[in-house]
C-alpha atoms as a PDB file:
ATOM      1  CA  MET A   1     -19.153 113.915 278.654  1.00  0.00           C
ATOM      2  CA  VAL A   2     -15.598 114.914 277.902  1.00  0.00           C
ATOM      3  CA  LEU A   3     -14.429 115.888 274.437  1.00  0.00           C
ATOM      4  CA  GLU A   4     -11.258 113.934 273.869  1.00  0.00           C
ATOM      5  CA  SER A   5      -8.721 113.211 271.136  1.00  0.00           C
ATOM      6  CA  THR A   6      -6.950 109.915 271.729  1.00  0.00           C
ATOM      7  CA  VAL A   7      -3.956 108.269 270.078  1.00  0.00           C
ATOM      8  CA  VAL A   8      -3.756 104.510 270.608  1.00  0.00           C
ATOM      9  CA  CYS A   9      -0.172 103.199 270.324  1.00  0.00           C
ATOM     10  CA  VAL A  10       0.080  99.510 269.467  1.00  0.00           C
ATOM     11  CA  ASP A  11       3.173  97.430 270.294  1.00  0.00           C
ATOM     12  CA  ASN A  12       3.923  95.382 267.186  1.00  0.00           C
ATOM     13  CA  SER A  13       7.429  94.217 268.097  1.00  0.00           C
ATOM     14  CA  GLU A  14       8.679  90.644 267.766  1.00  0.00           C
ATOM     15  CA  TRP A  15       7.795  90.117 271.448  1.00  0.00           C
ATOM     16  CA  MET A  16       4.126  90.185 270.442  1.00  0.00           C
ATOM     17  CA  ARG A  17       4.423  86.732 268.820  1.00  0.00           C
ATOM     18  CA  ASN A  18       4.600  85.090 272.273  1.00  0.00           C
ATOM     19  CA  GLY A  19       1.757  82.714 273.025  1.00  0.00           C
ATOM     20  CA  ASP A  20       1.410  83.457 276.747  1.00  0.00           C
ATOM     21  CA  PHE A  21      -1.914  85.159 275.925  1.00  0.00           C
ATOM     22  CA  ARG A  22      -4.255  83.134 273.704  1.00  0.00           C
ATOM     23  CA  PRO A  23      -3.706  82.946 270.756  1.00  0.00           C
ATOM     24  CA  THR A  24      -0.855  85.540 270.767  1.00  0.00           C
ATOM     25  CA  ARG A  25      -0.128  88.812 272.532  1.00  0.00           C
ATOM     26  CA  LEU A  26      -0.738  90.672 269.279  1.00  0.00           C
ATOM     27  CA  ASP A  27      -4.206  89.158 268.812  1.00  0.00           C
ATOM     28  CA  SER A  28      -5.144  89.835 272.433  1.00  0.00           C
ATOM     29  CA  GLN A  29      -3.911  93.402 272.071  1.00  0.00           C
ATOM     30  CA  ARG A  30      -5.917  93.791 268.849  1.00  0.00           C
ATOM     31  CA  ASP A  31      -9.115  92.816 270.698  1.00  0.00           C
ATOM     32  CA  ALA A  32      -8.345  95.315 273.462  1.00  0.00           C
ATOM     33  CA  VAL A  33      -7.615  98.084 270.931  1.00  0.00           C
ATOM     34  CA  ASN A  34     -10.938  97.481 269.183  1.00  0.00           C
ATOM     35  CA  LEU A  35     -12.755  97.659 272.516  1.00  0.00           C
ATOM     36  CA  VAL A  36     -10.963 100.853 273.594  1.00  0.00           C
ATOM     37  CA  CYS A  37     -11.530 102.598 270.255  1.00  0.00           C
ATOM     38  CA  GLY A  38     -15.209 101.640 270.237  1.00  0.00           C
ATOM     39  CA  ASN A  39     -15.755 102.924 273.775  1.00  0.00           C
ATOM     40  CA  LYS A  40     -13.950 106.201 273.085  1.00  0.00           C
ATOM     41  CA  LEU A  41     -16.004 106.886 269.964  1.00  0.00           C
ATOM     42  CA  GLN A  42     -19.312 105.905 271.592  1.00  0.00           C
ATOM     43  CA  SER A  43     -18.789 108.035 274.707  1.00  0.00           C
ATOM     44  CA  ASN A  44     -19.104 111.265 272.695  1.00  0.00           C
ATOM     45  CA  PRO A  45     -19.951 111.756 269.005  1.00  0.00           C
ATOM     46  CA  GLU A  46     -17.233 114.407 268.626  1.00  0.00           C
ATOM     47  CA  ASN A  47     -14.389 112.285 270.046  1.00  0.00           C
ATOM     48  CA  THR A  48     -11.597 111.297 267.682  1.00  0.00           C
ATOM     49  CA  VAL A  49      -9.151 108.383 267.810  1.00  0.00           C
ATOM     50  CA  ALA A  50      -5.878 107.739 265.962  1.00  0.00           C
ATOM     51  CA  LEU A  51      -3.940 104.491 265.689  1.00  0.00           C
ATOM     52  CA  MET A  52      -0.164 104.065 265.418  1.00  0.00           C
ATOM     53  CA  THR A  53       2.481 101.365 265.809  1.00  0.00           C
ATOM     54  CA  LEU A  54       5.530 101.483 268.056  1.00  0.00           C
ATOM     55  CA  ALA A  55       7.953  99.270 266.115  1.00  0.00           C
ATOM     56  CA  LYS A  56       7.931 101.389 262.972  1.00  0.00           C
ATOM     57  CA  ARG A  57       6.583 104.562 264.626  1.00  0.00           C
ATOM     58  CA  GLU A  58       3.991 104.706 261.893  1.00  0.00           C
ATOM     59  CA  VAL A  59       0.632 106.484 262.162  1.00  0.00           C
ATOM     60  CA  LEU A  60      -1.849 104.060 260.605  1.00  0.00           C
ATOM     61  CA  VAL A  61      -4.937 106.242 261.004  1.00  0.00           C
ATOM     62  CA  THR A  62      -4.918 109.952 261.823  1.00  0.00           C
ATOM     63  CA  LEU A  63      -7.500 111.347 264.244  1.00  0.00           C
ATOM     64  CA  THR A  64     -10.901 110.166 263.010  1.00  0.00           C
ATOM     65  CA  ASP A  65     -14.371 109.234 264.214  1.00  0.00           C
ATOM     66  CA  ASP A  66     -14.677 106.372 261.695  1.00  0.00           C
ATOM     67  CA  MET A  67     -14.601 103.041 263.543  1.00  0.00           C
ATOM     68  CA  GLY A  68     -14.324 101.137 260.247  1.00  0.00           C
ATOM     69  CA  LYS A  69     -10.953 102.717 259.432  1.00  0.00           C
ATOM     70  CA  LEU A  70      -9.674 101.889 262.906  1.00  0.00           C
ATOM     71  CA  LEU A  71     -10.817  98.244 262.724  1.00  0.00           C
ATOM     72  CA  THR A  72      -9.331  97.752 259.269  1.00  0.00           C
ATOM     73  CA  SER A  73      -5.992  99.237 260.285  1.00  0.00           C
ATOM     74  CA  SER A  74      -5.770  97.344 263.570  1.00  0.00           C
ATOM     75  CA  HIS A  75      -6.250  94.031 261.767  1.00  0.00           C
ATOM     76  CA  ALA A  76      -3.530  94.917 259.265  1.00  0.00           C
ATOM     77  CA  VAL A  77      -0.863  95.293 261.986  1.00  0.00           C
ATOM     78  CA  ARG A  78       1.869  92.649 261.752  1.00  0.00           C
ATOM     79  CA  ALA A  79       4.600  91.871 264.285  1.00  0.00           C
ATOM     80  CA  GLY A  80       8.153  92.809 263.402  1.00  0.00           C
ATOM     81  CA  GLY A  81      11.049  94.901 264.672  1.00  0.00           C
ATOM     82  CA  THR A  82      11.680  96.385 268.096  1.00  0.00           C
ATOM     83  CA  SER A  83       9.380  98.659 270.047  1.00  0.00           C
ATOM     84  CA  ASP A  84      10.398 102.301 270.574  1.00  0.00           C
ATOM     85  CA  PHE A  85       8.454 103.517 273.628  1.00  0.00           C
ATOM     86  CA  VAL A  86       9.902 107.047 273.740  1.00  0.00           C
ATOM     87  CA  GLY A  87       9.807 107.622 269.978  1.00  0.00           C
ATOM     88  CA  GLY A  88       6.245 106.343 269.806  1.00  0.00           C
ATOM     89  CA  LEU A  89       5.092 108.725 272.529  1.00  0.00           C
ATOM     90  CA  GLN A  90       6.772 111.648 270.776  1.00  0.00           C
ATOM     91  CA  VAL A  91       5.051 110.835 267.471  1.00  0.00           C
ATOM     92  CA  ALA A  92       1.719 110.430 269.306  1.00  0.00           C
ATOM     93  CA  GLN A  93       2.158 113.839 270.934  1.00  0.00           C
ATOM     94  CA  LEU A  94       2.851 115.359 267.528  1.00  0.00           C
ATOM     95  CA  ALA A  95      -0.320 113.748 266.132  1.00  0.00           C
ATOM     96  CA  LEU A  96      -2.309 115.264 269.016  1.00  0.00           C
ATOM     97  CA  LYS A  97      -0.915 118.733 268.292  1.00  0.00           C
ATOM     98  CA  HIS A  98      -2.597 118.559 264.881  1.00  0.00           C
ATOM     99  CA  ARG A  99      -6.073 117.752 266.188  1.00  0.00           C
ATOM    100  CA  THR A 100      -8.926 119.627 264.542  1.00  0.00           C
ATOM    101  CA  SER A 101     -10.559 120.927 267.706  1.00  0.00           C
ATOM    102  CA  LYS A 102      -8.263 122.510 270.273  1.00  0.00           C
ATOM    103  CA  ASN A 103     -11.099 122.157 272.836  1.00  0.00           C
ATOM    104  CA  HIS A 104     -10.503 118.403 273.015  1.00  0.00           C
ATOM    105  CA  ARG A 105      -8.483 116.966 275.880  1.00  0.00           C
ATOM    106  CA  GLN A 106      -5.438 115.006 274.781  1.00  0.00           C
ATOM    107  CA  ARG A 107      -4.860 111.370 275.720  1.00  0.00           C
ATOM    108  CA  ILE A 108      -2.394 108.689 274.651  1.00  0.00           C
ATOM    109  CA  ILE A 109      -3.179 105.031 275.317  1.00  0.00           C
ATOM    110  CA  ILE A 110      -0.031 102.961 274.873  1.00  0.00           C
ATOM    111  CA  PHE A 111       0.168  99.172 274.909  1.00  0.00           C
ATOM    112  CA  VAL A 112       3.495  97.730 276.107  1.00  0.00           C
ATOM    113  CA  GLY A 113       4.192  94.028 275.593  1.00  0.00           C
ATOM    114  CA  SER A 114       7.976  94.159 275.270  1.00  0.00           C
ATOM    115  CA  PRO A 115      10.801  95.415 277.499  1.00  0.00           C
ATOM    116  CA  VAL A 116      11.154  99.218 277.564  1.00  0.00           C
ATOM    117  CA  GLU A 117      14.684 100.045 276.415  1.00  0.00           C
ATOM    118  CA  ALA A 118      14.748 103.680 277.609  1.00  0.00           C
ATOM    119  CA  GLU A 119      16.459 104.812 280.809  1.00  0.00           C
ATOM    120  CA  PRO A 120      14.265 105.964 283.734  1.00  0.00           C
ATOM    121  CA  LYS A 121      15.742 109.487 283.507  1.00  0.00           C
ATOM    122  CA  GLN A 122      14.742 109.750 279.838  1.00  0.00           C
ATOM    123  CA  LEU A 123      11.236 108.512 280.666  1.00  0.00           C
ATOM    124  CA  THR A 124      10.906 111.048 283.492  1.00  0.00           C
ATOM    125  CA  GLN A 125      11.922 113.902 281.181  1.00  0.00           C
ATOM    126  CA  LEU A 126       9.402 112.782 278.569  1.00  0.00           C
ATOM    127  CA  GLY A 127       6.718 112.490 281.260  1.00  0.00           C
ATOM    128  CA  LYS A 128       7.331 116.057 282.409  1.00  0.00           C
ATOM    129  CA  LYS A 129       7.160 117.290 278.814  1.00  0.00           C
ATOM    130  CA  LEU A 130       3.829 115.530 278.269  1.00  0.00           C
ATOM    131  CA  LYS A 131       2.511 116.858 281.572  1.00  0.00           C
ATOM    132  CA  LYS A 132       3.441 120.405 280.551  1.00  0.00           C
ATOM    133  CA  SER A 133       1.523 119.907 277.296  1.00  0.00           C
ATOM    134  CA  ASN A 134      -1.566 118.637 279.220  1.00  0.00           C
ATOM    135  CA  VAL A 135      -1.409 115.156 277.707  1.00  0.00           C
ATOM    136  CA  SER A 136      -2.782 112.279 279.781  1.00  0.00           C
ATOM    137  CA  VAL A 137      -1.193 108.864 279.255  1.00  0.00           C
ATOM    138  CA  ASP A 138      -2.684 105.454 279.982  1.00  0.00           C
ATOM    139  CA  VAL A 139      -0.154 102.609 279.891  1.00  0.00           C
ATOM    140  CA  ILE A 140      -1.389  99.044 279.454  1.00  0.00           C
ATOM    141  CA  SER A 141       1.444  96.650 280.272  1.00  0.00           C
ATOM    142  CA  PHE A 142       1.198  92.947 279.636  1.00  0.00           C
ATOM    143  CA  GLY A 143       3.657  90.111 279.279  1.00  0.00           C
ATOM    144  CA  GLU A 144       6.747  91.888 280.631  1.00  0.00           C
ATOM    145  CA  GLU A 145       5.393  93.486 283.831  1.00  0.00           C
ATOM    146  CA  GLU A 146       8.379  92.683 286.040  1.00  0.00           C
ATOM    147  CA  ALA A 147      10.975  94.037 283.607  1.00  0.00           C
ATOM    148  CA  ASN A 148       9.079  97.285 283.014  1.00  0.00           C
ATOM    149  CA  ARG A 149       7.463  98.010 286.387  1.00  0.00           C
ATOM    150  CA  GLU A 150      10.028 100.484 287.787  1.00  0.00           C
ATOM    151  CA  LYS A 151      10.451 102.381 284.524  1.00  0.00           C
ATOM    152  CA  LEU A 152       6.743 102.670 283.829  1.00  0.00           C
ATOM    153  CA  GLU A 153       5.929 103.748 287.386  1.00  0.00           C
ATOM    154  CA  ALA A 154       8.624 106.457 287.214  1.00  0.00           C
ATOM    155  CA  PHE A 155       7.221 107.633 283.883  1.00  0.00           C
ATOM    156  CA  LEU A 156       3.665 107.662 285.210  1.00  0.00           C
ATOM    157  CA  GLN A 157       4.671 109.579 288.315  1.00  0.00           C
ATOM    158  CA  ALA A 158       6.229 112.267 286.094  1.00  0.00           C
ATOM    159  CA  VAL A 159       3.298 112.532 283.648  1.00  0.00           C
ATOM    160  CA  ASN A 160       0.403 112.240 286.115  1.00  0.00           C
ATOM    161  CA  LYS A 161      -1.513 115.476 286.640  1.00  0.00           C
ATOM    162  CA  ASP A 162      -4.676 115.487 288.752  1.00  0.00           C
ATOM    163  CA  ASP A 163      -4.759 111.670 288.573  1.00  0.00           C
ATOM    164  CA  THR A 164      -5.594 111.616 284.843  1.00  0.00           C
ATOM    165  CA  SER A 165      -2.911 109.089 283.822  1.00  0.00           C
ATOM    166  CA  HIS A 166      -3.016 105.387 284.674  1.00  0.00           C
ATOM    167  CA  LEU A 167      -0.954 102.200 284.579  1.00  0.00           C
ATOM    168  CA  VAL A 168      -2.708  98.864 284.093  1.00  0.00           C
ATOM    169  CA  SER A 169      -0.783  95.601 284.317  1.00  0.00           C
ATOM    170  CA  VAL A 170      -2.467  92.565 282.796  1.00  0.00           C
END
């Protein structure tokens, strides 16, 4: 069992109101976030999970092992604004730097349901920075796969170290 501190980044932009996933992208994402957080916390009693939004770059819950806080905060997320992929990852990295146990591996799980505005070069630089800091990143892309595919693959190629980072398109 791996000790791990994880920050889950939720896309709460206006794009999440789309009904292509039943009932909306935001509700489908909320179910996935609850499942991911539950699995992370159950895999090891010392694991911690944080929750943040991308549109406001707001940390809703700092690193905790309390599933109740995570569930309450995930259900309070409302759609509004535009998603900031790069800014969200930078805030998530900062949250991981302040983890209580430095023995924990660092992971960011980021949900992307809107077009990524950043340039591929900027994403590659951020990926290299995260790789240098030993942060693994899992990207879950849904709804806008075609628009984001090249950018996200370039980012993942830059951040991937020993095949610890992944891209999942739904």
